[in-house]
Amino acid sequence: MPDDKIKKLHEAVSQQFDVGTVEEFTQKLQDPTKRQAFYDAAAKDYDLGDYDTFSDKVSLKKKAESTPSISPS
């Protein structure tokens, strides 16, 4: 399921850019090369912030499960 931020971005840019469905757009944004190309094109017309912030917002990184460390007694 696409992230809400990606859905909102898709709604905003799909009128001007051919980005496909929300699912296709989400998948494309996971590829760093395609994400950079989209950012470069869309940042001319939309305030997307700096690239690193944009990239963090649209990357669907799986959160690593934290395991508590157990120290030997």
N, C-alpha and C. Protein backbone atom coordinates (compact mmCIF):
# COMPACT_ATOMS: atom_id res chain seq x y z
N MET A 1 0.85 -1.18 0.00
CA MET A 1 0.00 0.00 0.00
C MET A 1 0.89 1.24 0.00
N PRO A 2 0.70 2.12 -0.94
CA PRO A 2 1.54 3.32 -1.01
C PRO A 2 1.36 4.22 0.21
N ASP A 3 2.43 4.87 0.54
CA ASP A 3 2.45 5.81 1.64
C ASP A 3 1.58 7.03 1.30
N ASP A 4 0.95 7.64 2.31
CA ASP A 4 0.09 8.81 2.07
C ASP A 4 0.84 9.96 1.41
N LYS A 5 2.11 10.15 1.77
CA LYS A 5 2.89 11.24 1.17
C LYS A 5 3.05 11.00 -0.33
N ILE A 6 3.26 9.76 -0.70
CA ILE A 6 3.42 9.44 -2.12
C ILE A 6 2.09 9.62 -2.84
N LYS A 7 0.98 9.23 -2.20
CA LYS A 7 -0.35 9.41 -2.82
C LYS A 7 -0.61 10.89 -3.08
N LYS A 8 -0.31 11.73 -2.09
CA LYS A 8 -0.54 13.18 -2.25
C LYS A 8 0.33 13.75 -3.35
N LEU A 9 1.59 13.32 -3.39
CA LEU A 9 2.49 13.78 -4.44
C LEU A 9 1.98 13.34 -5.80
N HIS A 10 1.53 12.09 -5.89
CA HIS A 10 0.98 11.56 -7.15
C HIS A 10 -0.20 12.40 -7.62
N GLU A 11 -1.11 12.71 -6.69
CA GLU A 11 -2.28 13.52 -7.06
C GLU A 11 -1.86 14.89 -7.59
N ALA A 12 -0.86 15.48 -6.98
CA ALA A 12 -0.41 16.81 -7.39
C ALA A 12 0.28 16.81 -8.75
N VAL A 13 1.13 15.82 -9.00
CA VAL A 13 1.94 15.86 -10.22
C VAL A 13 1.35 15.11 -11.40
N SER A 14 0.36 14.25 -11.17
CA SER A 14 -0.15 13.42 -12.26
C SER A 14 -0.88 14.22 -13.34
N GLN A 15 -1.29 15.44 -13.01
CA GLN A 15 -1.92 16.28 -14.03
C GLN A 15 -0.90 16.78 -15.05
N GLN A 16 0.33 16.97 -14.59
CA GLN A 16 1.37 17.53 -15.46
C GLN A 16 2.35 16.47 -15.99
N PHE A 17 2.57 15.43 -15.21
CA PHE A 17 3.54 14.40 -15.59
C PHE A 17 2.84 13.06 -15.77
N ASP A 18 3.32 12.27 -16.71
CA ASP A 18 2.79 10.92 -16.91
C ASP A 18 3.54 10.00 -15.96
N VAL A 19 2.98 9.82 -14.76
CA VAL A 19 3.66 9.03 -13.73
C VAL A 19 3.02 7.67 -13.51
N GLY A 20 1.98 7.35 -14.26
CA GLY A 20 1.32 6.06 -14.12
C GLY A 20 0.39 6.04 -12.92
N THR A 21 0.05 4.84 -12.49
CA THR A 21 -0.83 4.67 -11.34
C THR A 21 -0.05 4.99 -10.07
N VAL A 22 -0.74 5.10 -8.96
CA VAL A 22 -0.07 5.34 -7.68
C VAL A 22 0.93 4.22 -7.40
N GLU A 23 0.53 2.99 -7.67
CA GLU A 23 1.41 1.85 -7.42
C GLU A 23 2.66 1.91 -8.30
N GLU A 24 2.47 2.24 -9.59
CA GLU A 24 3.62 2.35 -10.50
C GLU A 24 4.53 3.50 -10.06
N PHE A 25 3.94 4.62 -9.70
CA PHE A 25 4.70 5.78 -9.26
C PHE A 25 5.51 5.44 -8.01
N THR A 26 4.86 4.76 -7.06
CA THR A 26 5.53 4.36 -5.83
C THR A 26 6.74 3.47 -6.16
N GLN A 27 6.54 2.51 -7.05
CA GLN A 27 7.61 1.60 -7.43
C GLN A 27 8.76 2.36 -8.09
N LYS A 28 8.43 3.28 -8.98
CA LYS A 28 9.47 4.05 -9.68
C LYS A 28 10.29 4.88 -8.69
N LEU A 29 9.63 5.42 -7.68
CA LEU A 29 10.34 6.25 -6.71
C LEU A 29 11.30 5.45 -5.83
N GLN A 30 11.19 4.13 -5.84
CA GLN A 30 12.10 3.31 -5.04
C GLN A 30 13.43 3.09 -5.75
N ASP A 31 13.47 3.39 -7.04
CA ASP A 31 14.72 3.29 -7.81
C ASP A 31 15.44 4.64 -7.71
N PRO A 32 16.64 4.69 -7.12
CA PRO A 32 17.34 5.96 -6.92
C PRO A 32 17.54 6.77 -8.20
N THR A 33 17.80 6.10 -9.32
CA THR A 33 18.00 6.82 -10.59
C THR A 33 16.71 7.46 -11.06
N LYS A 34 15.61 6.72 -11.00
CA LYS A 34 14.31 7.25 -11.43
C LYS A 34 13.83 8.33 -10.46
N ARG A 35 14.10 8.14 -9.16
CA ARG A 35 13.71 9.14 -8.17
C ARG A 35 14.43 10.46 -8.44
N GLN A 36 15.72 10.39 -8.73
CA GLN A 36 16.50 11.60 -9.02
C GLN A 36 15.99 12.28 -10.29
N ALA A 37 15.70 11.49 -11.33
CA ALA A 37 15.20 12.06 -12.59
C ALA A 37 13.86 12.74 -12.37
N PHE A 38 12.97 12.10 -11.61
CA PHE A 38 11.67 12.71 -11.32
C PHE A 38 11.86 14.00 -10.53
N TYR A 39 12.70 13.95 -9.52
CA TYR A 39 12.95 15.13 -8.69
C TYR A 39 13.47 16.29 -9.54
N ASP A 40 14.45 16.00 -10.40
CA ASP A 40 15.03 17.05 -11.24
C ASP A 40 13.97 17.71 -12.13
N ALA A 41 13.06 16.91 -12.68
CA ALA A 41 12.01 17.46 -13.55
C ALA A 41 10.93 18.18 -12.75
N ALA A 42 10.46 17.57 -11.68
CA ALA A 42 9.33 18.12 -10.93
C ALA A 42 9.72 19.31 -10.06
N ALA A 43 10.95 19.37 -9.60
CA ALA A 43 11.38 20.46 -8.71
C ALA A 43 11.36 21.82 -9.41
N LYS A 44 11.31 21.80 -10.73
CA LYS A 44 11.21 23.06 -11.48
C LYS A 44 9.84 23.71 -11.28
N ASP A 45 8.81 22.90 -11.08
CA ASP A 45 7.44 23.39 -10.96
C ASP A 45 6.83 23.22 -9.57
N TYR A 46 7.45 22.39 -8.73
CA TYR A 46 6.90 22.09 -7.40
C TYR A 46 7.97 22.30 -6.35
N ASP A 47 7.55 22.75 -5.19
CA ASP A 47 8.48 22.93 -4.08
C ASP A 47 8.63 21.59 -3.37
N LEU A 48 9.68 20.86 -3.70
CA LEU A 48 9.90 19.53 -3.15
C LEU A 48 10.95 19.53 -2.05
N GLY A 49 11.47 20.70 -1.73
CA GLY A 49 12.54 20.76 -0.74
C GLY A 49 13.84 20.27 -1.35
N ASP A 50 14.83 20.02 -0.50
CA ASP A 50 16.10 19.52 -1.03
C ASP A 50 15.96 18.02 -1.34
N TYR A 51 16.86 17.53 -2.18
CA TYR A 51 16.73 16.15 -2.66
C TYR A 51 16.78 15.13 -1.53
N ASP A 52 17.68 15.31 -0.57
CA ASP A 52 17.81 14.32 0.50
C ASP A 52 16.52 14.20 1.32
N THR A 53 15.90 15.32 1.63
CA THR A 53 14.64 15.31 2.37
C THR A 53 13.55 14.64 1.54
N PHE A 54 13.47 15.00 0.27
CA PHE A 54 12.50 14.40 -0.64
C PHE A 54 12.70 12.89 -0.70
N SER A 55 13.94 12.48 -0.87
CA SER A 55 14.26 11.06 -0.98
C SER A 55 13.86 10.30 0.28
N ASP A 56 14.12 10.89 1.45
CA ASP A 56 13.73 10.24 2.71
C ASP A 56 12.21 10.08 2.81
N LYS A 57 11.48 11.07 2.31
CA LYS A 57 10.01 11.03 2.42
C LYS A 57 9.37 10.00 1.49
N VAL A 58 9.97 9.77 0.33
CA VAL A 58 9.33 8.88 -0.63
C VAL A 58 9.92 7.47 -0.67
N SER A 59 11.01 7.26 0.02
CA SER A 59 11.61 5.92 0.07
C SER A 59 10.85 5.08 1.07
N LEU A 60 10.45 3.91 0.64
CA LEU A 60 9.74 2.99 1.52
C LEU A 60 10.71 1.99 2.10
N LYS A 61 11.63 2.49 2.88
CA LYS A 61 12.62 1.61 3.50
C LYS A 61 11.93 0.81 4.58
N LYS A 62 12.22 -0.46 4.61
CA LYS A 62 11.65 -1.28 5.67
C LYS A 62 12.42 -0.98 6.94
N LYS A 63 11.66 -0.69 7.97
CA LYS A 63 12.30 -0.36 9.23
C LYS A 63 12.88 -1.64 9.84
N ALA A 64 14.13 -1.56 10.20
CA ALA A 64 14.79 -2.71 10.82
C ALA A 64 14.20 -2.95 12.19
N GLU A 65 13.93 -4.20 12.44
CA GLU A 65 13.39 -4.54 13.75
C GLU A 65 14.52 -4.43 14.76
N SER A 66 14.26 -3.71 15.82
CA SER A 66 15.30 -3.58 16.82
C SER A 66 15.18 -4.72 17.82
N THR A 67 16.31 -5.34 18.04
CA THR A 67 16.33 -6.43 19.01
C THR A 67 17.06 -5.91 20.24
N PRO A 68 16.46 -6.10 21.37
CA PRO A 68 17.16 -5.61 22.56
C PRO A 68 18.45 -6.38 22.79
N SER A 69 19.50 -5.63 23.16
CA SER A 69 20.75 -6.33 23.43
C SER A 69 20.73 -6.87 24.85
N ILE A 70 21.18 -8.05 24.95
CA ILE A 70 21.21 -8.69 26.26
C ILE A 70 22.68 -8.87 26.64
N SER A 71 23.04 -8.23 27.72
CA SER A 71 24.43 -8.36 28.19
C SER A 71 24.54 -9.57 29.10
N PRO A 72 25.59 -10.34 28.91
CA PRO A 72 25.75 -11.49 29.80
C PRO A 72 26.01 -11.03 31.23
N SER A 73 25.43 -11.72 32.19
CA SER A 73 25.63 -11.31 33.58
C SER A 73 26.77 -12.06 34.22
